[in-house]
C-alpha cells in the first residue's frame, strides 16, 4: 500500500512540475528598413504592404518578447506597436536603442515588464590603427517573467557583409562580436546561473569567426537553438558531424541570390536547461519577402 502511494505521489509530482510551469516565447526579426521617413543613406519608407506583412509575421509567432533590427525612429517603433495593439497584440513595454548608425536601430517590444535597461551605445574598437564604433550598439534589458523569475535579453545587429571602404567587413564584424561576447562573459562570470538570451542579426553563418566568437566555448558557451521550418523534416543527419538537414535559412541576399542562416537565438547554460525544442522554429508565411529580406525566428523556454 505504501509503495503504491509513493508511486502515485511520484506521478503527481511529475505532473505538477510540468503542468504548472509557465512558458516564455522570445523572437527576433530584422524588419528591413522599417522607416517612417527617408534618411541620408536609406531613401525609401516602409510601404503599407510591407508593414502589414511584418505585423502578420509577428502575429503568427505571438511572442512574449521580440527584438527588432533595422528599426527606424522611435516614431516608427511606436507606429508598429500601436498597429499591433489595434490588431489585438499588445506590447506595453518597449525599448529603442540608437547607436552610432543614425539610420537604423535596435528595438525590443515586450508583454512583460522591464526590471532594468542597460543600452550599450558607446563601445568602440581599434582596427588597423583606426577607431571604430559598434554601429548599432546592443540593447540589454532585464525582464520579469514571473514574481520569482527574471531573465536578461541582449539584442545585437552586427556589421553587415557589405564591403566597407574603411576596413575589412568581416574583421569589423568580428571586433563587434568580441565586444558582445565580453558583455556576455562579464555577466556569466559574475553569475554563472544567469538566465540570458542573446539574439539578433549576426550577419554571418554559424561557422564564421564572428558567430563562433559570440557563441563562445567551454562552460560559458551559449546554446544555439537553431530554429527551423515546421515542414515535417525531423530526421537526423546521416553524417553525425552535422546538424539535421531541415530548413533553417533566415535571410535572402539578393546580390548573390543566396539564402543563409544569419539570425540567431542563443541561450545561457542555465536557460538552455529550460529550453523547449519543439516550440522553437522559423516563421515561414507565404509571401514572407514582402515584409523583409529576413524571416523571424522564435524560441521558447520554461519558467519555474
C-alpha atoms as a PDB file:
ATOM      1  CA  UNK A   1       0.000   0.000   0.000  1.00  0.00           C
ATOM      2  CA  UNK A   2       2.840   2.366   0.918  1.00  0.00           C
ATOM      3  CA  UNK A   3       4.684   1.536  -2.315  1.00  0.00           C
ATOM      4  CA  UNK A   4       1.546   2.234  -4.359  1.00  0.00           C
ATOM      5  CA  UNK A   5       1.055   5.552  -2.544  1.00  0.00           C
ATOM      6  CA  UNK A   6       4.661   6.611  -3.251  1.00  0.00           C
ATOM      7  CA  UNK A   7       4.313   5.722  -6.928  1.00  0.00           C
ATOM      8  CA  UNK A   8       1.114   7.773  -7.121  1.00  0.00           C
ATOM      9  CA  UNK A   9       2.780  10.661  -5.311  1.00  0.00           C
ATOM     10  CA  UNK A  10       5.727  10.494  -7.719  1.00  0.00           C
ATOM     11  CA  UNK A  11       3.421  10.678 -10.746  1.00  0.00           C
ATOM     12  CA  UNK A  12       1.583  13.613  -9.196  1.00  0.00           C
ATOM     13  CA  UNK A  13       4.834  15.489  -8.548  1.00  0.00           C
ATOM     14  CA  UNK A  14       5.969  14.899 -12.124  1.00  0.00           C
ATOM     15  CA  UNK A  15       2.671  16.188 -13.480  1.00  0.00           C
ATOM     16  CA  UNK A  16       2.808  19.129 -11.114  1.00  0.00           C
ATOM     17  CA  UNK A  17       6.281  20.108 -12.317  1.00  0.00           C
ATOM     18  CA  UNK A  18       5.280  20.087 -15.981  1.00  0.00           C
ATOM     19  CA  UNK A  19       1.629  21.082 -15.899  1.00  0.00           C
ATOM     20  CA  UNK A  20       2.045  24.230 -13.836  1.00  0.00           C
ATOM     21  CA  UNK A  21       5.281  25.509 -15.363  1.00  0.00           C
ATOM     22  CA  UNK A  22       4.862  28.618 -17.491  1.00  0.00           C
ATOM     23  CA  UNK A  23       6.493  29.324 -20.854  1.00  0.00           C
ATOM     24  CA  UNK A  24       8.161  32.372 -22.337  1.00  0.00           C
ATOM     25  CA  UNK A  25       8.461  32.836 -26.094  1.00  0.00           C
ATOM     26  CA  UNK A  26      11.198  35.149 -27.397  1.00  0.00           C
ATOM     27  CA  UNK A  27      11.696  36.136 -31.020  1.00  0.00           C
ATOM     28  CA  UNK A  28      13.935  38.226 -33.255  1.00  0.00           C
ATOM     29  CA  UNK A  29      13.103  39.833 -36.584  1.00  0.00           C
ATOM     30  CA  UNK A  30      15.108  42.078 -38.899  1.00  0.00           C
ATOM     31  CA  UNK A  31      12.288  44.225 -40.290  1.00  0.00           C
ATOM     32  CA  UNK A  32      14.400  45.655 -43.152  1.00  0.00           C
ATOM     33  CA  UNK A  33      14.404  49.436 -43.083  1.00  0.00           C
ATOM     34  CA  UNK A  34      11.240  49.992 -41.070  1.00  0.00           C
ATOM     35  CA  UNK A  35      11.439  53.745 -41.723  1.00  0.00           C
ATOM     36  CA  UNK A  36       8.709  56.364 -41.460  1.00  0.00           C
ATOM     37  CA  UNK A  37      10.834  58.932 -43.316  1.00  0.00           C
ATOM     38  CA  UNK A  38      13.875  58.781 -45.620  1.00  0.00           C
ATOM     39  CA  UNK A  39      17.352  59.075 -44.118  1.00  0.00           C
ATOM     40  CA  UNK A  40      20.694  60.145 -45.509  1.00  0.00           C
ATOM     41  CA  UNK A  41      21.602  56.674 -46.786  1.00  0.00           C
ATOM     42  CA  UNK A  42      18.189  54.908 -46.861  1.00  0.00           C
ATOM     43  CA  UNK A  43      15.788  56.688 -49.149  1.00  0.00           C
ATOM     44  CA  UNK A  44      12.579  54.675 -49.017  1.00  0.00           C
ATOM     45  CA  UNK A  45       9.988  54.496 -46.253  1.00  0.00           C
ATOM     46  CA  UNK A  46       8.309  51.182 -45.394  1.00  0.00           C
ATOM     47  CA  UNK A  47       5.284  50.569 -47.612  1.00  0.00           C
ATOM     48  CA  UNK A  48       1.867  49.792 -46.167  1.00  0.00           C
ATOM     49  CA  UNK A  49       2.003  46.309 -47.707  1.00  0.00           C
ATOM     50  CA  UNK A  50       5.396  45.619 -46.127  1.00  0.00           C
ATOM     51  CA  UNK A  51       4.191  46.881 -42.733  1.00  0.00           C
ATOM     52  CA  UNK A  52       1.141  44.629 -42.940  1.00  0.00           C
ATOM     53  CA  UNK A  53       3.310  41.575 -43.664  1.00  0.00           C
ATOM     54  CA  UNK A  54       5.616  42.439 -40.745  1.00  0.00           C
ATOM     55  CA  UNK A  55       2.590  42.591 -38.451  1.00  0.00           C
ATOM     56  CA  UNK A  56       1.247  39.318 -39.857  1.00  0.00           C
ATOM     57  CA  UNK A  57       4.586  37.632 -39.151  1.00  0.00           C
ATOM     58  CA  UNK A  58       4.719  38.914 -35.582  1.00  0.00           C
ATOM     59  CA  UNK A  59       1.114  37.838 -35.015  1.00  0.00           C
ATOM     60  CA  UNK A  60       1.931  34.365 -36.322  1.00  0.00           C
ATOM     61  CA  UNK A  61       4.687  33.996 -33.702  1.00  0.00           C
ATOM     62  CA  UNK A  62       2.771  35.722 -30.883  1.00  0.00           C
ATOM     63  CA  UNK A  63       5.954  36.241 -28.830  1.00  0.00           C
ATOM     64  CA  UNK A  64       6.142  37.488 -25.270  1.00  0.00           C
ATOM     65  CA  UNK A  65       9.253  39.473 -26.197  1.00  0.00           C
ATOM     66  CA  UNK A  66      10.590  40.331 -29.655  1.00  0.00           C
ATOM     67  CA  UNK A  67      13.835  42.040 -30.663  1.00  0.00           C
ATOM     68  CA  UNK A  68      13.696  44.092 -33.860  1.00  0.00           C
ATOM     69  CA  UNK A  69      16.629  45.016 -36.085  1.00  0.00           C
ATOM     70  CA  UNK A  70      16.675  47.778 -38.746  1.00  0.00           C
ATOM     71  CA  UNK A  71      14.005  49.720 -36.899  1.00  0.00           C
ATOM     72  CA  UNK A  72      13.711  53.385 -37.809  1.00  0.00           C
ATOM     73  CA  UNK A  73      12.978  56.221 -35.422  1.00  0.00           C
ATOM     74  CA  UNK A  74      11.127  55.989 -32.139  1.00  0.00           C
ATOM     75  CA  UNK A  75       8.025  57.169 -34.015  1.00  0.00           C
ATOM     76  CA  UNK A  76       8.327  54.232 -36.417  1.00  0.00           C
ATOM     77  CA  UNK A  77       8.534  51.809 -33.487  1.00  0.00           C
ATOM     78  CA  UNK A  78       5.538  53.345 -31.770  1.00  0.00           C
ATOM     79  CA  UNK A  79       3.549  53.179 -35.025  1.00  0.00           C
ATOM     80  CA  UNK A  80       4.279  49.453 -35.294  1.00  0.00           C
ATOM     81  CA  UNK A  81       3.436  48.935 -31.625  1.00  0.00           C
ATOM     82  CA  UNK A  82       0.139  50.818 -31.964  1.00  0.00           C
ATOM     83  CA  UNK A  83      -0.774  48.930 -35.154  1.00  0.00           C
ATOM     84  CA  UNK A  84      -0.111  45.586 -33.447  1.00  0.00           C
ATOM     85  CA  UNK A  85      -2.236  46.629 -30.475  1.00  0.00           C
ATOM     86  CA  UNK A  86      -5.077  47.641 -32.803  1.00  0.00           C
ATOM     87  CA  UNK A  87      -4.916  44.120 -34.251  1.00  0.00           C
ATOM     88  CA  UNK A  88      -5.076  42.582 -30.767  1.00  0.00           C
ATOM     89  CA  UNK A  89      -1.383  42.073 -29.908  1.00  0.00           C
ATOM     90  CA  UNK A  90      -0.355  44.393 -27.087  1.00  0.00           C
ATOM     91  CA  UNK A  91       3.250  45.093 -26.070  1.00  0.00           C
ATOM     92  CA  UNK A  92       3.030  47.551 -23.154  1.00  0.00           C
ATOM     93  CA  UNK A  93       6.801  47.728 -22.681  1.00  0.00           C
ATOM     94  CA  UNK A  94       9.346  48.851 -25.262  1.00  0.00           C
ATOM     95  CA  UNK A  95      12.972  49.850 -25.702  1.00  0.00           C
ATOM     96  CA  UNK A  96      14.614  51.767 -28.576  1.00  0.00           C
ATOM     97  CA  UNK A  97      18.427  51.913 -28.775  1.00  0.00           C
ATOM     98  CA  UNK A  98      20.215  54.413 -31.014  1.00  0.00           C
ATOM     99  CA  UNK A  99      23.845  53.565 -31.714  1.00  0.00           C
ATOM    100  CA  UNK A 100      26.451  55.182 -33.945  1.00  0.00           C
ATOM    101  CA  UNK A 101      24.382  54.417 -37.069  1.00  0.00           C
ATOM    102  CA  UNK A 102      21.842  57.228 -37.408  1.00  0.00           C
ATOM    103  CA  UNK A 103      19.619  55.386 -39.908  1.00  0.00           C
ATOM    104  CA  UNK A 104      18.545  52.091 -38.354  1.00  0.00           C
ATOM    105  CA  UNK A 105      18.323  50.984 -34.747  1.00  0.00           C
ATOM    106  CA  UNK A 106      17.603  48.141 -32.336  1.00  0.00           C
ATOM    107  CA  UNK A 107      14.297  47.836 -30.529  1.00  0.00           C
ATOM    108  CA  UNK A 108      12.533  45.484 -28.128  1.00  0.00           C
ATOM    109  CA  UNK A 109       8.772  45.011 -27.683  1.00  0.00           C
ATOM    110  CA  UNK A 110       7.571  43.104 -24.613  1.00  0.00           C
ATOM    111  CA  UNK A 111       4.390  41.929 -22.939  1.00  0.00           C
ATOM    112  CA  UNK A 112       6.442  41.543 -19.754  1.00  0.00           C
ATOM    113  CA  UNK A 113       7.795  44.405 -17.624  1.00  0.00           C
ATOM    114  CA  UNK A 114      11.394  45.556 -17.693  1.00  0.00           C
ATOM    115  CA  UNK A 115      13.241  45.472 -14.387  1.00  0.00           C
ATOM    116  CA  UNK A 116      16.297  47.244 -15.816  1.00  0.00           C
ATOM    117  CA  UNK A 117      17.586  48.728 -19.073  1.00  0.00           C
ATOM    118  CA  UNK A 118      21.279  48.877 -19.983  1.00  0.00           C
ATOM    119  CA  UNK A 119      21.755  50.069 -23.591  1.00  0.00           C
ATOM    120  CA  UNK A 120      25.289  49.768 -24.960  1.00  0.00           C
ATOM    121  CA  UNK A 121      25.799  52.698 -27.338  1.00  0.00           C
ATOM    122  CA  UNK A 122      29.404  53.889 -26.952  1.00  0.00           C
ATOM    123  CA  UNK A 123      31.527  50.752 -27.415  1.00  0.00           C
ATOM    124  CA  UNK A 124      34.445  51.044 -29.813  1.00  0.00           C
ATOM    125  CA  UNK A 125      37.480  49.095 -31.060  1.00  0.00           C
ATOM    126  CA  UNK A 126      40.796  49.648 -32.826  1.00  0.00           C
ATOM    127  CA  UNK A 127      41.343  48.097 -36.258  1.00  0.00           C
ATOM    128  CA  UNK A 128      44.341  48.816 -38.493  1.00  0.00           C
ATOM    129  CA  UNK A 129      45.211  51.816 -36.375  1.00  0.00           C
ATOM    130  CA  UNK A 130      41.736  53.349 -36.643  1.00  0.00           C
ATOM    131  CA  UNK A 131      38.984  53.532 -34.050  1.00  0.00           C
ATOM    132  CA  UNK A 132      35.523  52.288 -34.974  1.00  0.00           C
ATOM    133  CA  UNK A 133      32.254  52.452 -33.082  1.00  0.00           C
ATOM    134  CA  UNK A 134      29.869  49.497 -32.805  1.00  0.00           C
ATOM    135  CA  UNK A 135      27.396  50.623 -35.449  1.00  0.00           C
ATOM    136  CA  UNK A 136      24.060  49.700 -33.897  1.00  0.00           C
ATOM    137  CA  UNK A 137      25.113  49.195 -30.291  1.00  0.00           C
ATOM    138  CA  UNK A 138      23.457  46.485 -28.193  1.00  0.00           C
ATOM    139  CA  UNK A 139      20.094  46.514 -26.437  1.00  0.00           C
ATOM    140  CA  UNK A 140      20.104  44.929 -22.992  1.00  0.00           C
ATOM    141  CA  UNK A 141      17.004  44.613 -20.818  1.00  0.00           C
ATOM    142  CA  UNK A 142      16.232  42.579 -17.720  1.00  0.00           C
ATOM    143  CA  UNK A 143      12.697  41.198 -17.893  1.00  0.00           C
ATOM    144  CA  UNK A 144      10.443  39.980 -15.109  1.00  0.00           C
ATOM    145  CA  UNK A 145       8.706  36.844 -16.363  1.00  0.00           C
ATOM    146  CA  UNK A 146       7.123  35.872 -13.023  1.00  0.00           C
ATOM    147  CA  UNK A 147       7.392  37.285  -9.491  1.00  0.00           C
ATOM    148  CA  UNK A 148      10.283  34.890  -8.876  1.00  0.00           C
ATOM    149  CA  UNK A 149      11.915  34.569 -12.315  1.00  0.00           C
ATOM    150  CA  UNK A 150      13.805  37.186 -14.328  1.00  0.00           C
ATOM    151  CA  UNK A 151      15.888  36.841 -17.471  1.00  0.00           C
ATOM    152  CA  UNK A 152      18.180  39.171 -19.379  1.00  0.00           C
ATOM    153  CA  UNK A 153      17.831  39.726 -23.116  1.00  0.00           C
ATOM    154  CA  UNK A 154      20.670  41.167 -25.212  1.00  0.00           C
ATOM    155  CA  UNK A 155      19.859  42.073 -28.825  1.00  0.00           C
ATOM    156  CA  UNK A 156      22.513  42.672 -31.479  1.00  0.00           C
ATOM    157  CA  UNK A 157      22.781  43.652 -35.125  1.00  0.00           C
ATOM    158  CA  UNK A 158      26.396  43.107 -36.154  1.00  0.00           C
ATOM    159  CA  UNK A 159      28.199  44.724 -39.098  1.00  0.00           C
ATOM    160  CA  UNK A 160      26.717  43.751 -42.461  1.00  0.00           C
ATOM    161  CA  UNK A 161      28.551  41.734 -45.099  1.00  0.00           C
ATOM    162  CA  UNK A 162      28.551  44.683 -47.487  1.00  0.00           C
ATOM    163  CA  UNK A 163      32.130  45.754 -48.352  1.00  0.00           C
ATOM    164  CA  UNK A 164      33.375  48.751 -46.416  1.00  0.00           C
ATOM    165  CA  UNK A 165      35.901  51.282 -47.765  1.00  0.00           C
ATOM    166  CA  UNK A 166      37.238  51.821 -44.260  1.00  0.00           C
ATOM    167  CA  UNK A 167      38.210  48.254 -43.250  1.00  0.00           C
ATOM    168  CA  UNK A 168      37.530  44.589 -43.926  1.00  0.00           C
ATOM    169  CA  UNK A 169      33.845  43.982 -43.127  1.00  0.00           C
ATOM    170  CA  UNK A 170      34.487  40.525 -41.625  1.00  0.00           C
ATOM    171  CA  UNK A 171      37.122  41.969 -39.279  1.00  0.00           C
ATOM    172  CA  UNK A 172      34.765  44.745 -38.234  1.00  0.00           C
ATOM    173  CA  UNK A 173      32.072  42.186 -37.513  1.00  0.00           C
ATOM    174  CA  UNK A 174      34.496  40.047 -35.516  1.00  0.00           C
ATOM    175  CA  UNK A 175      35.529  43.012 -33.384  1.00  0.00           C
ATOM    176  CA  UNK A 176      31.881  43.843 -32.681  1.00  0.00           C
ATOM    177  CA  UNK A 177      31.294  40.189 -31.763  1.00  0.00           C
ATOM    178  CA  UNK A 178      34.205  40.298 -29.327  1.00  0.00           C
ATOM    179  CA  UNK A 179      32.646  43.269 -27.546  1.00  0.00           C
ATOM    180  CA  UNK A 180      29.296  41.470 -27.431  1.00  0.00           C
ATOM    181  CA  UNK A 181      30.932  38.348 -26.055  1.00  0.00           C
ATOM    182  CA  UNK A 182      32.712  40.453 -23.461  1.00  0.00           C
ATOM    183  CA  UNK A 183      29.348  41.687 -22.189  1.00  0.00           C
ATOM    184  CA  UNK A 184      28.133  38.079 -22.005  1.00  0.00           C
ATOM    185  CA  UNK A 185      31.286  36.824 -20.268  1.00  0.00           C
ATOM    186  CA  UNK A 186      31.194  39.596 -17.689  1.00  0.00           C
ATOM    187  CA  UNK A 187      27.623  38.691 -16.771  1.00  0.00           C
ATOM    188  CA  UNK A 188      28.097  34.896 -16.741  1.00  0.00           C
ATOM    189  CA  UNK A 189      31.400  35.071 -14.869  1.00  0.00           C
ATOM    190  CA  UNK A 190      29.720  37.116 -12.165  1.00  0.00           C
ATOM    191  CA  UNK A 191      26.585  34.953 -12.211  1.00  0.00           C
ATOM    192  CA  UNK A 192      27.141  31.548 -13.899  1.00  0.00           C
ATOM    193  CA  UNK A 193      23.477  30.564 -13.467  1.00  0.00           C
ATOM    194  CA  UNK A 194      22.123  33.744 -15.029  1.00  0.00           C
ATOM    195  CA  UNK A 195      19.144  33.342 -17.356  1.00  0.00           C
ATOM    196  CA  UNK A 196      20.416  35.029 -20.511  1.00  0.00           C
ATOM    197  CA  UNK A 197      19.122  35.279 -24.099  1.00  0.00           C
ATOM    198  CA  UNK A 198      21.430  36.673 -26.793  1.00  0.00           C
ATOM    199  CA  UNK A 199      19.685  37.141 -30.121  1.00  0.00           C
ATOM    200  CA  UNK A 200      19.511  39.145 -33.309  1.00  0.00           C
ATOM    201  CA  UNK A 201      21.019  39.519 -36.754  1.00  0.00           C
ATOM    202  CA  UNK A 202      24.663  38.423 -36.513  1.00  0.00           C
ATOM    203  CA  UNK A 203      25.143  38.821 -40.289  1.00  0.00           C
ATOM    204  CA  UNK A 204      27.203  35.665 -40.781  1.00  0.00           C
ATOM    205  CA  UNK A 205      26.938  31.874 -40.822  1.00  0.00           C
ATOM    206  CA  UNK A 206      27.442  29.668 -37.785  1.00  0.00           C
ATOM    207  CA  UNK A 207      30.986  28.616 -38.784  1.00  0.00           C
ATOM    208  CA  UNK A 208      32.231  32.200 -39.194  1.00  0.00           C
ATOM    209  CA  UNK A 209      34.735  33.628 -36.707  1.00  0.00           C
ATOM    210  CA  UNK A 210      32.293  36.306 -35.535  1.00  0.00           C
ATOM    211  CA  UNK A 211      29.426  33.898 -34.832  1.00  0.00           C
ATOM    212  CA  UNK A 212      31.742  31.395 -33.139  1.00  0.00           C
ATOM    213  CA  UNK A 213      33.101  34.233 -31.006  1.00  0.00           C
ATOM    214  CA  UNK A 214      29.589  35.194 -29.907  1.00  0.00           C
ATOM    215  CA  UNK A 215      28.600  31.607 -29.060  1.00  0.00           C
ATOM    216  CA  UNK A 216      31.785  31.140 -27.061  1.00  0.00           C
ATOM    217  CA  UNK A 217      33.370  27.963 -25.727  1.00  0.00           C
ATOM    218  CA  UNK A 218      33.793  25.946 -22.562  1.00  0.00           C
ATOM    219  CA  UNK A 219      31.429  26.073 -19.609  1.00  0.00           C
ATOM    220  CA  UNK A 220      30.101  29.520 -20.582  1.00  0.00           C
ATOM    221  CA  UNK A 221      29.266  28.511 -24.157  1.00  0.00           C
ATOM    222  CA  UNK A 222      25.816  29.593 -25.307  1.00  0.00           C
ATOM    223  CA  UNK A 223      23.295  27.131 -26.758  1.00  0.00           C
ATOM    224  CA  UNK A 224      22.392  27.732 -30.407  1.00  0.00           C
ATOM    225  CA  UNK A 225      18.657  26.979 -30.592  1.00  0.00           C
ATOM    226  CA  UNK A 226      18.805  26.679 -34.426  1.00  0.00           C
ATOM    227  CA  UNK A 227      15.129  27.345 -35.302  1.00  0.00           C
ATOM    228  CA  UNK A 228      13.874  25.545 -38.419  1.00  0.00           C
ATOM    229  CA  UNK A 229      10.764  25.411 -40.570  1.00  0.00           C
ATOM    230  CA  UNK A 230       7.906  23.281 -39.296  1.00  0.00           C
ATOM    231  CA  UNK A 231       7.596  21.409 -42.571  1.00  0.00           C
ATOM    232  CA  UNK A 232       7.851  17.817 -41.361  1.00  0.00           C
ATOM    233  CA  UNK A 233      11.632  17.402 -41.591  1.00  0.00           C
ATOM    234  CA  UNK A 234      12.568  15.627 -38.361  1.00  0.00           C
ATOM    235  CA  UNK A 235      15.195  13.026 -39.288  1.00  0.00           C
ATOM    236  CA  UNK A 236      18.766  13.317 -38.044  1.00  0.00           C
ATOM    237  CA  UNK A 237      21.594  13.858 -40.499  1.00  0.00           C
ATOM    238  CA  UNK A 238      23.212  10.628 -41.704  1.00  0.00           C
ATOM    239  CA  UNK A 239      26.547  12.307 -41.012  1.00  0.00           C
ATOM    240  CA  UNK A 240      26.677  12.762 -37.204  1.00  0.00           C
ATOM    241  CA  UNK A 241      29.133  15.629 -37.595  1.00  0.00           C
ATOM    242  CA  UNK A 242      26.426  17.865 -38.999  1.00  0.00           C
ATOM    243  CA  UNK A 243      23.070  19.221 -37.862  1.00  0.00           C
ATOM    244  CA  UNK A 244      19.834  17.828 -39.360  1.00  0.00           C
ATOM    245  CA  UNK A 245      19.029  18.784 -42.945  1.00  0.00           C
ATOM    246  CA  UNK A 246      15.904  20.714 -42.050  1.00  0.00           C
ATOM    247  CA  UNK A 247      15.319  24.208 -43.462  1.00  0.00           C
ATOM    248  CA  UNK A 248      16.937  26.871 -41.271  1.00  0.00           C
ATOM    249  CA  UNK A 249      17.775  29.793 -43.582  1.00  0.00           C
ATOM    250  CA  UNK A 250      16.659  33.197 -42.281  1.00  0.00           C
ATOM    251  CA  UNK A 251      17.916  35.677 -44.899  1.00  0.00           C
ATOM    252  CA  UNK A 252      17.761  36.157 -48.647  1.00  0.00           C
ATOM    253  CA  UNK A 253      20.743  38.075 -50.070  1.00  0.00           C
ATOM    254  CA  UNK A 254      19.641  39.443 -53.445  1.00  0.00           C
ATOM    255  CA  UNK A 255      23.124  40.392 -54.650  1.00  0.00           C
ATOM    256  CA  UNK A 256      24.219  36.741 -54.537  1.00  0.00           C
ATOM    257  CA  UNK A 257      20.747  35.181 -54.944  1.00  0.00           C
ATOM    258  CA  UNK A 258      21.579  33.163 -51.825  1.00  0.00           C
ATOM    259  CA  UNK A 259      19.820  32.008 -48.666  1.00  0.00           C
ATOM    260  CA  UNK A 260      21.629  31.633 -45.341  1.00  0.00           C
ATOM    261  CA  UNK A 261      21.134  31.392 -41.585  1.00  0.00           C
ATOM    262  CA  UNK A 262      22.416  34.619 -40.058  1.00  0.00           C
ATOM    263  CA  UNK A 263      19.773  35.300 -37.372  1.00  0.00           C
ATOM    264  CA  UNK A 264      20.168  33.547 -34.022  1.00  0.00           C
ATOM    265  CA  UNK A 265      18.669  32.938 -30.614  1.00  0.00           C
ATOM    266  CA  UNK A 266      21.304  31.809 -28.103  1.00  0.00           C
ATOM    267  CA  UNK A 267      20.692  30.727 -24.508  1.00  0.00           C
ATOM    268  CA  UNK A 268      22.948  30.667 -21.459  1.00  0.00           C
ATOM    269  CA  UNK A 269      23.647  27.250 -19.858  1.00  0.00           C
ATOM    270  CA  UNK A 270      21.017  27.817 -17.137  1.00  0.00           C
ATOM    271  CA  UNK A 271      18.335  28.896 -19.593  1.00  0.00           C
ATOM    272  CA  UNK A 272      19.340  26.167 -22.025  1.00  0.00           C
ATOM    273  CA  UNK A 273      18.179  23.635 -19.448  1.00  0.00           C
ATOM    274  CA  UNK A 274      14.706  25.181 -19.654  1.00  0.00           C
ATOM    275  CA  UNK A 275      14.594  25.261 -23.471  1.00  0.00           C
ATOM    276  CA  UNK A 276      11.625  23.700 -25.308  1.00  0.00           C
ATOM    277  CA  UNK A 277      12.993  22.443 -28.608  1.00  0.00           C
ATOM    278  CA  UNK A 278       9.583  21.624 -30.093  1.00  0.00           C
ATOM    279  CA  UNK A 279       8.468  25.242 -29.621  1.00  0.00           C
ATOM    280  CA  UNK A 280      11.473  26.720 -31.456  1.00  0.00           C
ATOM    281  CA  UNK A 281      11.030  27.455 -35.159  1.00  0.00           C
ATOM    282  CA  UNK A 282      11.115  29.809 -38.150  1.00  0.00           C
ATOM    283  CA  UNK A 283       8.011  31.681 -39.211  1.00  0.00           C
ATOM    284  CA  UNK A 284       7.542  30.704 -42.882  1.00  0.00           C
ATOM    285  CA  UNK A 285       4.476  32.546 -44.156  1.00  0.00           C
ATOM    286  CA  UNK A 286       3.558  32.771 -47.857  1.00  0.00           C
ATOM    287  CA  UNK A 287       4.996  35.926 -49.442  1.00  0.00           C
ATOM    288  CA  UNK A 288       7.183  36.494 -46.386  1.00  0.00           C
ATOM    289  CA  UNK A 289       9.545  38.604 -48.540  1.00  0.00           C
ATOM    290  CA  UNK A 290       7.013  41.433 -48.848  1.00  0.00           C
ATOM    291  CA  UNK A 291       7.768  42.315 -45.236  1.00  0.00           C
ATOM    292  CA  UNK A 292      11.525  41.884 -45.090  1.00  0.00           C
ATOM    293  CA  UNK A 293      14.523  40.084 -46.575  1.00  0.00           C
ATOM    294  CA  UNK A 294      14.709  38.193 -43.251  1.00  0.00           C
ATOM    295  CA  UNK A 295      12.356  35.653 -41.712  1.00  0.00           C
ATOM    296  CA  UNK A 296      11.591  35.935 -37.975  1.00  0.00           C
ATOM    297  CA  UNK A 297      12.592  33.153 -35.589  1.00  0.00           C
ATOM    298  CA  UNK A 298      11.365  32.189 -32.143  1.00  0.00           C
ATOM    299  CA  UNK A 299      12.422  30.019 -29.194  1.00  0.00           C
ATOM    300  CA  UNK A 300      10.536  29.037 -26.039  1.00  0.00           C
ATOM    301  CA  UNK A 301      11.700  28.168 -22.531  1.00  0.00           C
ATOM    302  CA  UNK A 302      10.035  27.154 -19.280  1.00  0.00           C
ATOM    303  CA  UNK A 303       9.718  29.314 -16.198  1.00  0.00           C
ATOM    304  CA  UNK A 304       9.697  27.737 -12.724  1.00  0.00           C
END
